[in-house]
PDB file of all heavy atoms in Angstrom:
ATOM      1  N   ILE A   1      61.300  89.040 157.537  1.00  0.00           N
ATOM      2  CA  ILE A   1      62.351  89.226 156.592  1.00  0.00           C
ATOM      3  C   ILE A   1      62.543  87.816 156.062  1.00  0.00           C
ATOM      4  O   ILE A   1      62.804  86.774 156.666  1.00  0.00           O
ATOM      5  CB  ILE A   1      63.711  89.649 157.299  1.00  0.00           C
ATOM      6  CG1 ILE A   1      63.566  91.017 157.817  1.00  0.00           C
ATOM      7  CG2 ILE A   1      64.862  89.562 156.300  1.00  0.00           C
ATOM      8  CD1 ILE A   1      64.582  91.506 158.809  1.00  0.00           C
ATOM      9  N   LYS A   2      62.486  87.722 154.632  1.00  0.00           N
ATOM     10  CA  LYS A   2      62.686  86.532 153.922  1.00  0.00           C
ATOM     11  C   LYS A   2      64.025  86.447 153.517  1.00  0.00           C
ATOM     12  O   LYS A   2      64.635  87.192 152.838  1.00  0.00           O
ATOM     13  CB  LYS A   2      61.782  86.470 152.600  1.00  0.00           C
ATOM     14  CG  LYS A   2      60.323  86.773 152.950  1.00  0.00           C
ATOM     15  CD  LYS A   2      59.569  85.417 153.389  1.00  0.00           C
ATOM     16  CE  LYS A   2      58.072  85.776 153.479  1.00  0.00           C
ATOM     17  NZ  LYS A   2      57.381  84.885 154.273  1.00  0.00           N
ATOM     18  N   ILE A   3      64.741  85.274 153.787  1.00  0.00           N
ATOM     19  CA  ILE A   3      66.042  84.882 153.401  1.00  0.00           C
ATOM     20  C   ILE A   3      66.055  84.022 152.222  1.00  0.00           C
ATOM     21  O   ILE A   3      65.428  82.864 152.355  1.00  0.00           O
ATOM     22  CB  ILE A   3      66.822  84.460 154.562  1.00  0.00           C
ATOM     23  CG1 ILE A   3      66.778  85.219 155.770  1.00  0.00           C
ATOM     24  CG2 ILE A   3      68.287  84.161 154.107  1.00  0.00           C
ATOM     25  CD1 ILE A   3      67.429  86.660 155.611  1.00  0.00           C
ATOM     26  N   LYS A   4      66.516  84.388 151.083  1.00  0.00           N
ATOM     27  CA  LYS A   4      66.581  83.472 149.959  1.00  0.00           C
ATOM     28  C   LYS A   4      67.614  82.452 150.103  1.00  0.00           C
ATOM     29  O   LYS A   4      68.771  82.727 150.512  1.00  0.00           O
ATOM     30  CB  LYS A   4      66.903  84.356 148.631  1.00  0.00           C
ATOM     31  CG  LYS A   4      65.775  84.954 148.030  1.00  0.00           C
ATOM     32  CD  LYS A   4      66.031  85.541 146.632  1.00  0.00           C
ATOM     33  CE  LYS A   4      67.427  85.633 146.060  1.00  0.00           C
ATOM     34  NZ  LYS A   4      67.510  86.212 144.765  1.00  0.00           N
ATOM     35  N   GLU A   5      67.332  81.285 149.830  1.00  0.00           N
ATOM     36  CA  GLU A   5      68.245  80.105 149.877  1.00  0.00           C
ATOM     37  C   GLU A   5      69.248  80.242 148.702  1.00  0.00           C
ATOM     38  O   GLU A   5      68.881  80.644 147.577  1.00  0.00           O
ATOM     39  CB  GLU A   5      67.645  78.821 149.815  1.00  0.00           C
ATOM     40  CG  GLU A   5      66.805  78.396 151.087  1.00  0.00           C
ATOM     41  CD  GLU A   5      67.663  78.227 152.281  1.00  0.00           C
ATOM     42  OE1 GLU A   5      68.792  77.630 152.250  1.00  0.00           O
ATOM     43  OE2 GLU A   5      67.213  78.645 153.383  1.00  0.00           O
ATOM     44  N   LYS A   6      70.480  80.077 148.969  1.00  0.00           N
ATOM     45  CA  LYS A   6      71.529  80.193 147.946  1.00  0.00           C
ATOM     46  C   LYS A   6      72.090  78.798 147.575  1.00  0.00           C
ATOM     47  O   LYS A   6      72.063  77.879 148.434  1.00  0.00           O
ATOM     48  CB  LYS A   6      72.660  80.913 148.339  1.00  0.00           C
ATOM     49  CG  LYS A   6      72.356  82.375 148.576  1.00  0.00           C
ATOM     50  CD  LYS A   6      73.630  83.243 148.859  1.00  0.00           C
ATOM     51  CE  LYS A   6      73.199  84.656 148.897  1.00  0.00           C
ATOM     52  NZ  LYS A   6      74.391  85.525 148.894  1.00  0.00           N
ATOM     53  N   LYS A   7      72.366  78.569 146.346  1.00  0.00           N
ATOM     54  CA  LYS A   7      72.892  77.223 145.915  1.00  0.00           C
ATOM     55  C   LYS A   7      74.331  77.151 146.683  1.00  0.00           C
ATOM     56  O   LYS A   7      75.057  78.127 146.824  1.00  0.00           O
ATOM     57  CB  LYS A   7      73.230  77.302 144.448  1.00  0.00           C
ATOM     58  CG  LYS A   7      71.932  77.276 143.578  1.00  0.00           C
ATOM     59  CD  LYS A   7      72.259  77.265 142.130  1.00  0.00           C
ATOM     60  CE  LYS A   7      71.055  77.386 141.264  1.00  0.00           C
ATOM     61  NZ  LYS A   7      71.287  77.364 139.924  1.00  0.00           N
ATOM     62  N   LYS A   8      74.444  76.000 147.122  1.00  0.00           N
ATOM     63  CA  LYS A   8      75.795  75.640 147.772  1.00  0.00           C
ATOM     64  C   LYS A   8      76.740  75.194 146.662  1.00  0.00           C
ATOM     65  O   LYS A   8      76.489  74.519 145.702  1.00  0.00           O
ATOM     66  CB  LYS A   8      75.612  74.608 148.785  1.00  0.00           C
ATOM     67  CG  LYS A   8      74.678  74.920 149.926  1.00  0.00           C
ATOM     68  CD  LYS A   8      74.654  73.947 150.957  1.00  0.00           C
ATOM     69  CE  LYS A   8      74.083  74.483 152.274  1.00  0.00           C
ATOM     70  NZ  LYS A   8      72.691  74.306 152.362  1.00  0.00           N
ATOM     71  N   GLY A   9      78.021  75.806 146.704  1.00  0.00           N
ATOM     72  CA  GLY A   9      78.990  75.382 145.686  1.00  0.00           C
ATOM     73  C   GLY A   9      80.385  75.715 146.207  1.00  0.00           C
ATOM     74  O   GLY A   9      80.708  76.664 146.690  1.00  0.00           O
ATOM     75  N   PHE A  10      81.127  74.567 146.283  1.00  0.00           N
ATOM     76  CA  PHE A  10      82.426  74.530 146.818  1.00  0.00           C
ATOM     77  C   PHE A  10      83.342  75.453 146.003  1.00  0.00           C
ATOM     78  O   PHE A  10      84.094  76.338 146.395  1.00  0.00           O
ATOM     79  CB  PHE A  10      83.010  73.157 146.974  1.00  0.00           C
ATOM     80  CG  PHE A  10      84.381  73.134 147.455  1.00  0.00           C
ATOM     81  CD1 PHE A  10      84.701  73.409 148.848  1.00  0.00           C
ATOM     82  CD2 PHE A  10      85.446  72.814 146.609  1.00  0.00           C
ATOM     83  CE1 PHE A  10      86.007  73.496 149.335  1.00  0.00           C
ATOM     84  CE2 PHE A  10      86.756  72.843 147.033  1.00  0.00           C
ATOM     85  CZ  PHE A  10      86.949  73.164 148.274  1.00  0.00           C
ATOM     86  N   ILE A  11      83.172  75.089 144.649  1.00  0.00           N
ATOM     87  CA  ILE A  11      84.157  75.826 143.709  1.00  0.00           C
ATOM     88  C   ILE A  11      83.915  77.257 143.699  1.00  0.00           C
ATOM     89  O   ILE A  11      84.805  78.247 143.633  1.00  0.00           O
ATOM     90  CB  ILE A  11      83.998  75.315 142.265  1.00  0.00           C
ATOM     91  CG1 ILE A  11      84.384  73.815 142.237  1.00  0.00           C
ATOM     92  CG2 ILE A  11      84.749  75.976 141.179  1.00  0.00           C
ATOM     93  CD1 ILE A  11      85.836  73.461 142.563  1.00  0.00           C
ATOM     94  N   ARG A  12      82.657  77.789 143.634  1.00  0.00           N
ATOM     95  CA  ARG A  12      82.341  79.205 143.612  1.00  0.00           C
ATOM     96  C   ARG A  12      82.840  79.923 144.918  1.00  0.00           C
ATOM     97  O   ARG A  12      83.380  81.020 144.859  1.00  0.00           O
ATOM     98  CB  ARG A  12      80.774  79.351 143.528  1.00  0.00           C
ATOM     99  CG  ARG A  12      80.384  78.925 142.111  1.00  0.00           C
ATOM    100  CD  ARG A  12      78.841  79.164 141.862  1.00  0.00           C
ATOM    101  NE  ARG A  12      78.062  79.146 143.018  1.00  0.00           N
ATOM    102  CZ  ARG A  12      76.777  79.445 143.021  1.00  0.00           C
ATOM    103  NH1 ARG A  12      76.196  79.567 141.841  1.00  0.00           N
ATOM    104  NH2 ARG A  12      76.063  79.296 144.141  1.00  0.00           N
ATOM    105  N   THR A  13      82.612  79.256 146.010  1.00  0.00           N
ATOM    106  CA  THR A  13      83.127  79.820 147.311  1.00  0.00           C
ATOM    107  C   THR A  13      84.700  79.891 147.327  1.00  0.00           C
ATOM    108  O   THR A  13      85.268  80.746 147.720  1.00  0.00           O
ATOM    109  CB  THR A  13      82.601  78.877 148.406  1.00  0.00           C
ATOM    110  OG1 THR A  13      81.245  78.867 148.348  1.00  0.00           O
ATOM    111  CG2 THR A  13      83.092  79.548 149.831  1.00  0.00           C
ATOM    112  N   LEU A  14      85.354  78.842 146.802  1.00  0.00           N
ATOM    113  CA  LEU A  14      86.708  78.850 146.782  1.00  0.00           C
ATOM    114  C   LEU A  14      87.232  79.957 145.848  1.00  0.00           C
ATOM    115  O   LEU A  14      88.219  80.657 146.192  1.00  0.00           O
ATOM    116  CB  LEU A  14      87.248  77.470 146.342  1.00  0.00           C
ATOM    117  CG  LEU A  14      88.766  77.183 146.306  1.00  0.00           C
ATOM    118  CD1 LEU A  14      89.328  77.365 147.769  1.00  0.00           C
ATOM    119  CD2 LEU A  14      89.172  75.916 145.695  1.00  0.00           C
ATOM    120  N   VAL A  15      86.714  80.060 144.688  1.00  0.00           N
ATOM    121  CA  VAL A  15      87.201  81.044 143.692  1.00  0.00           C
ATOM    122  C   VAL A  15      86.885  82.492 144.305  1.00  0.00           C
ATOM    123  O   VAL A  15      87.770  83.355 144.285  1.00  0.00           O
ATOM    124  CB  VAL A  15      86.576  80.859 142.291  1.00  0.00           C
ATOM    125  CG1 VAL A  15      86.828  82.051 141.410  1.00  0.00           C
ATOM    126  CG2 VAL A  15      87.094  79.563 141.647  1.00  0.00           C
ATOM    127  N   GLY A  16      85.758  82.714 144.767  1.00  0.00           N
ATOM    128  CA  GLY A  16      85.350  84.048 145.292  1.00  0.00           C
ATOM    129  C   GLY A  16      86.217  84.422 146.556  1.00  0.00           C
ATOM    130  O   GLY A  16      86.734  85.609 146.539  1.00  0.00           O
ATOM    131  N   GLY A  17      86.442  83.423 147.383  1.00  0.00           N
ATOM    132  CA  GLY A  17      87.273  83.697 148.504  1.00  0.00           C
ATOM    133  C   GLY A  17      88.681  83.966 148.254  1.00  0.00           C
ATOM    134  O   GLY A  17      89.418  84.832 148.817  1.00  0.00           O
ATOM    135  N   THR A  18      89.238  83.230 147.236  1.00  0.00           N
ATOM    136  CA  THR A  18      90.541  83.427 146.768  1.00  0.00           C
ATOM    137  C   THR A  18      90.791  84.841 146.127  1.00  0.00           C
ATOM    138  O   THR A  18      91.767  85.513 146.526  1.00  0.00           O
ATOM    139  CB  THR A  18      90.914  82.316 145.754  1.00  0.00           C
ATOM    140  OG1 THR A  18      90.817  81.076 146.375  1.00  0.00           O
ATOM    141  CG2 THR A  18      92.416  82.540 145.293  1.00  0.00           C
ATOM    142  N   ILE A  19      89.891  85.287 145.286  1.00  0.00           N
ATOM    143  CA  ILE A  19      89.879  86.594 144.673  1.00  0.00           C
ATOM    144  C   ILE A  19      89.838  87.608 145.839  1.00  0.00           C
ATOM    145  O   ILE A  19      90.674  88.621 145.771  1.00  0.00           O
ATOM    146  CB  ILE A  19      88.767  86.741 143.662  1.00  0.00           C
ATOM    147  CG1 ILE A  19      89.082  85.800 142.450  1.00  0.00           C
ATOM    148  CG2 ILE A  19      88.817  88.231 143.223  1.00  0.00           C
ATOM    149  CD1 ILE A  19      87.799  85.869 141.471  1.00  0.00           C
ATOM    150  N   PHE A  20      88.975  87.482 146.665  1.00  0.00           N
ATOM    151  CA  PHE A  20      88.825  88.363 147.733  1.00  0.00           C
ATOM    152  C   PHE A  20      90.006  88.519 148.664  1.00  0.00           C
ATOM    153  O   PHE A  20      90.582  89.522 149.078  1.00  0.00           O
ATOM    154  CB  PHE A  20      87.610  88.135 148.621  1.00  0.00           C
ATOM    155  CG  PHE A  20      87.492  89.064 149.853  1.00  0.00           C
ATOM    156  CD1 PHE A  20      86.863  90.337 149.654  1.00  0.00           C
ATOM    157  CD2 PHE A  20      87.796  88.677 151.128  1.00  0.00           C
ATOM    158  CE1 PHE A  20      86.738  91.203 150.740  1.00  0.00           C
ATOM    159  CE2 PHE A  20      87.700  89.644 152.212  1.00  0.00           C
ATOM    160  CZ  PHE A  20      87.076  90.881 151.959  1.00  0.00           C
ATOM    161  N   GLY A  21      90.498  87.245 148.975  1.00  0.00           N
ATOM    162  CA  GLY A  21      91.788  87.138 149.808  1.00  0.00           C
ATOM    163  C   GLY A  21      93.032  87.801 149.026  1.00  0.00           C
ATOM    164  O   GLY A  21      93.827  88.529 149.703  1.00  0.00           O
ATOM    165  N   LEU A  22      93.180  87.487 147.719  1.00  0.00           N
ATOM    166  CA  LEU A  22      94.263  88.081 147.020  1.00  0.00           C
ATOM    167  C   LEU A  22      94.204  89.570 147.095  1.00  0.00           C
ATOM    168  O   LEU A  22      95.244  90.300 147.192  1.00  0.00           O
ATOM    169  CB  LEU A  22      94.404  87.539 145.753  1.00  0.00           C
ATOM    170  CG  LEU A  22      94.782  86.084 145.576  1.00  0.00           C
ATOM    171  CD1 LEU A  22      94.617  85.595 144.165  1.00  0.00           C
ATOM    172  CD2 LEU A  22      96.280  85.926 145.975  1.00  0.00           C
ATOM    173  N   GLY A  23      93.051  90.197 146.848  1.00  0.00           N
ATOM    174  CA  GLY A  23      92.868  91.628 146.759  1.00  0.00           C
ATOM    175  C   GLY A  23      93.207  92.187 148.177  1.00  0.00           C
ATOM    176  O   GLY A  23      93.941  93.162 148.146  1.00  0.00           O
ATOM    177  N   TRP A  24      92.797  91.557 149.183  1.00  0.00           N
ATOM    178  CA  TRP A  24      93.081  92.027 150.536  1.00  0.00           C
ATOM    179  C   TRP A  24      94.593  92.028 150.695  1.00  0.00           C
ATOM    180  O   TRP A  24      95.172  92.871 151.264  1.00  0.00           O
ATOM    181  CB  TRP A  24      92.350  91.104 151.554  1.00  0.00           C
ATOM    182  CG  TRP A  24      92.373  91.535 153.005  1.00  0.00           C
ATOM    183  CD1 TRP A  24      93.268  92.401 153.604  1.00  0.00           C
ATOM    184  CD2 TRP A  24      91.442  91.224 153.939  1.00  0.00           C
ATOM    185  NE1 TRP A  24      92.845  92.537 154.894  1.00  0.00           N
ATOM    186  CE2 TRP A  24      91.768  91.738 155.136  1.00  0.00           C
ATOM    187  CE3 TRP A  24      90.238  90.373 154.027  1.00  0.00           C
ATOM    188  CZ2 TRP A  24      91.060  91.612 156.404  1.00  0.00           C
ATOM    189  CZ3 TRP A  24      89.553  90.306 155.070  1.00  0.00           C
ATOM    190  CH2 TRP A  24      89.958  90.799 156.306  1.00  0.00           C
TER     191      TRP A  24
END
């Protein structure tokens, strides 16, 4: 199983997590 490396990004993680958390 090949796992693609993802770009690390603080802002993208923060924004995505915030949207998910607000929806929850």
